[in-house]
């Protein structure tokens, strides 16, 4: 059986993408900011719906800013209440799409949030160049708003 070089390159890109995304989640779970900075490209196409009520959601574009988001999230939420599942993990070349469910509790208000999410990640040359997260921002904003 002969393998088309284009198929082999796509397969290699997909394997590299899957590996980097898995490394991202491992570093994220370990709260390894240094490793997260190394996984993000110098300039990142970051998209997370801006929400003035949510202190950890703001525009970002550098590797350090993107990696810092996860520490900010941890500082504002109750770690033992944080939950996230990955129900779907699709990879096509340099792009990965993950879907699942997340939940947590905001430390300042004691209110919980939850909902589905979708995450699109693009990996080039072993680093994350695109990070677009779509989540239940209404639930998160409500949890951040004092009663």
Protein backbone atom coordinates (compact mmCIF):
# COMPACT_ATOMS: atom_id res chain seq x y z
CA UNK A 1 0.00 0.00 0.00
CA UNK A 2 1.36 3.40 -0.95
CA UNK A 3 0.73 6.43 1.19
CA UNK A 4 0.05 9.70 -0.53
CA UNK A 5 2.62 12.28 0.72
CA UNK A 6 -0.17 14.80 1.27
CA UNK A 7 -2.04 12.32 3.49
CA UNK A 8 1.17 11.53 5.38
CA UNK A 9 1.84 15.26 6.02
CA UNK A 10 -1.76 15.80 7.17
CA UNK A 11 -1.47 12.79 9.46
CA UNK A 12 1.82 14.08 10.90
CA UNK A 13 0.30 17.54 11.44
CA UNK A 14 -2.73 16.01 13.14
CA UNK A 15 -0.52 13.91 15.42
CA UNK A 16 1.55 16.97 16.34
CA UNK A 17 -1.60 19.01 16.98
CA UNK A 18 -3.10 16.30 19.18
CA UNK A 19 0.16 16.03 21.14
CA UNK A 20 0.41 19.81 21.76
CA UNK A 21 -3.25 20.05 22.83
CA UNK A 22 -2.76 17.14 25.22
CA UNK A 23 0.39 18.81 26.58
CA UNK A 24 -1.63 22.00 27.05
CA UNK A 25 -4.22 20.20 29.19
CA UNK A 26 -1.50 18.43 31.19
CA UNK A 27 0.26 21.76 31.87
CA UNK A 28 -3.08 23.40 32.64
CA UNK A 29 -4.00 20.70 35.18
CA UNK A 30 -0.56 21.01 36.80
CA UNK A 31 -0.84 24.83 36.86
CA UNK A 32 2.52 24.89 35.08
CA UNK A 33 2.57 28.48 33.83
CA UNK A 34 6.10 28.19 32.45
CA UNK A 35 5.10 25.22 30.29
CA UNK A 36 1.92 27.02 29.17
CA UNK A 37 3.95 30.05 28.08
CA UNK A 38 6.19 27.72 26.06
CA UNK A 39 3.17 26.09 24.39
CA UNK A 40 1.64 29.38 23.23
CA UNK A 41 3.15 31.21 20.25
CA UNK A 42 4.65 34.66 20.74
CA UNK A 43 1.47 36.14 19.19
CA UNK A 44 -1.84 34.31 19.68
CA UNK A 45 -5.23 34.79 18.04
CA UNK A 46 -7.09 34.66 21.36
CA UNK A 47 -10.86 34.81 21.43
CA UNK A 48 -12.91 34.62 24.58
CA UNK A 49 -16.02 36.79 24.72
CA UNK A 50 -15.13 39.87 26.73
CA UNK A 51 -17.21 40.18 29.84
CA UNK A 52 -16.63 43.08 32.26
CA UNK A 53 -18.22 41.11 35.13
CA UNK A 54 -15.64 38.31 34.84
CA UNK A 55 -12.17 39.30 36.10
CA UNK A 56 -10.22 36.58 34.26
CA UNK A 57 -11.80 37.20 30.85
CA UNK A 58 -10.13 39.97 28.87
CA UNK A 59 -8.31 40.41 25.56
CA UNK A 60 -4.94 38.67 25.31
CA UNK A 61 -2.44 38.17 22.55
CA UNK A 62 0.99 37.17 23.90
CA UNK A 63 2.10 33.82 25.22
CA UNK A 64 2.55 35.22 28.73
CA UNK A 65 -0.89 36.89 28.72
CA UNK A 66 -2.57 33.71 27.50
CA UNK A 67 -0.82 31.52 30.07
CA UNK A 68 -1.68 34.02 32.83
CA UNK A 69 -5.40 33.60 32.16
CA UNK A 70 -5.38 30.18 33.79
CA UNK A 71 -3.74 31.48 36.97
CA UNK A 72 -6.25 34.33 37.10
CA UNK A 73 -9.09 31.85 36.72
CA UNK A 74 -7.67 29.77 39.58
CA UNK A 75 -7.31 32.86 41.79
CA UNK A 76 -10.98 33.78 41.34
CA UNK A 77 -12.56 30.32 41.60
CA UNK A 78 -12.72 27.55 44.19
CA UNK A 79 -10.28 24.84 43.00
CA UNK A 80 -12.11 21.90 44.55
CA UNK A 81 -15.32 22.90 42.73
CA UNK A 82 -13.71 23.16 39.28
CA UNK A 83 -14.86 20.50 36.83
CA UNK A 84 -14.29 20.11 33.12
CA UNK A 85 -14.95 17.25 30.76
CA UNK A 86 -13.87 16.64 27.21
CA UNK A 87 -16.61 14.81 25.38
CA UNK A 88 -15.28 15.33 21.85
CA UNK A 89 -11.72 15.83 20.62
CA UNK A 90 -11.46 16.24 16.85
CA UNK A 91 -8.22 16.94 15.01
CA UNK A 92 -7.82 17.89 11.36
CA UNK A 93 -4.27 18.84 10.45
CA UNK A 94 -3.25 21.86 12.50
CA UNK A 95 -6.75 22.43 13.94
CA UNK A 96 -8.35 20.80 16.96
CA UNK A 97 -11.89 21.23 18.23
CA UNK A 98 -12.85 20.10 21.70
CA UNK A 99 -16.32 20.09 23.19
CA UNK A 100 -17.40 19.33 26.69
CA UNK A 101 -18.85 20.72 29.86
CA UNK A 102 -17.33 22.93 32.55
CA UNK A 103 -18.41 24.09 35.98
CA UNK A 104 -17.01 25.97 38.92
CA UNK A 105 -17.66 28.33 41.81
CA UNK A 106 -16.58 31.96 42.01
CA UNK A 107 -14.62 32.54 45.21
CA UNK A 108 -15.87 36.13 45.86
CA UNK A 109 -19.59 35.37 45.54
CA UNK A 110 -19.85 31.67 46.34
CA UNK A 111 -22.03 31.31 43.23
CA UNK A 112 -21.65 28.45 40.78
CA UNK A 113 -21.54 28.42 37.00
CA UNK A 114 -21.76 25.61 34.49
CA UNK A 115 -22.42 24.91 30.88
CA UNK A 116 -21.12 23.47 27.64
CA UNK A 117 -18.05 24.77 25.87
CA UNK A 118 -16.34 24.43 22.51
CA UNK A 119 -12.66 25.16 22.05
CA UNK A 120 -10.86 25.65 18.74
CA UNK A 121 -7.09 25.42 18.89
CA UNK A 122 -4.65 25.79 15.99
CA UNK A 123 -1.08 24.56 16.35
CA UNK A 124 1.77 25.63 14.08
CA UNK A 125 5.39 24.60 14.54
CA UNK A 126 4.55 23.00 17.87
CA UNK A 127 2.93 26.08 19.43
CA UNK A 128 -0.65 27.27 19.88
CA UNK A 129 -1.37 30.15 17.50
CA UNK A 130 -5.16 30.24 17.83
CA UNK A 131 -7.24 29.74 20.99
CA UNK A 132 -10.97 30.40 20.61
CA UNK A 133 -13.17 29.40 23.54
CA UNK A 134 -16.96 29.48 23.37
CA UNK A 135 -18.64 28.97 26.73
CA UNK A 136 -21.75 29.81 28.74
CA UNK A 137 -20.64 33.38 29.46
CA UNK A 138 -24.05 34.33 30.89
CA UNK A 139 -23.79 31.71 33.63
CA UNK A 140 -20.22 32.79 34.42
CA UNK A 141 -21.14 36.50 34.54
CA UNK A 142 -24.10 35.75 36.83
CA UNK A 143 -21.81 33.79 39.17
CA UNK A 144 -19.39 36.76 39.29
CA UNK A 145 -22.11 39.28 40.09
CA UNK A 146 -22.79 39.81 43.81
CA UNK A 147 -26.38 39.31 44.93
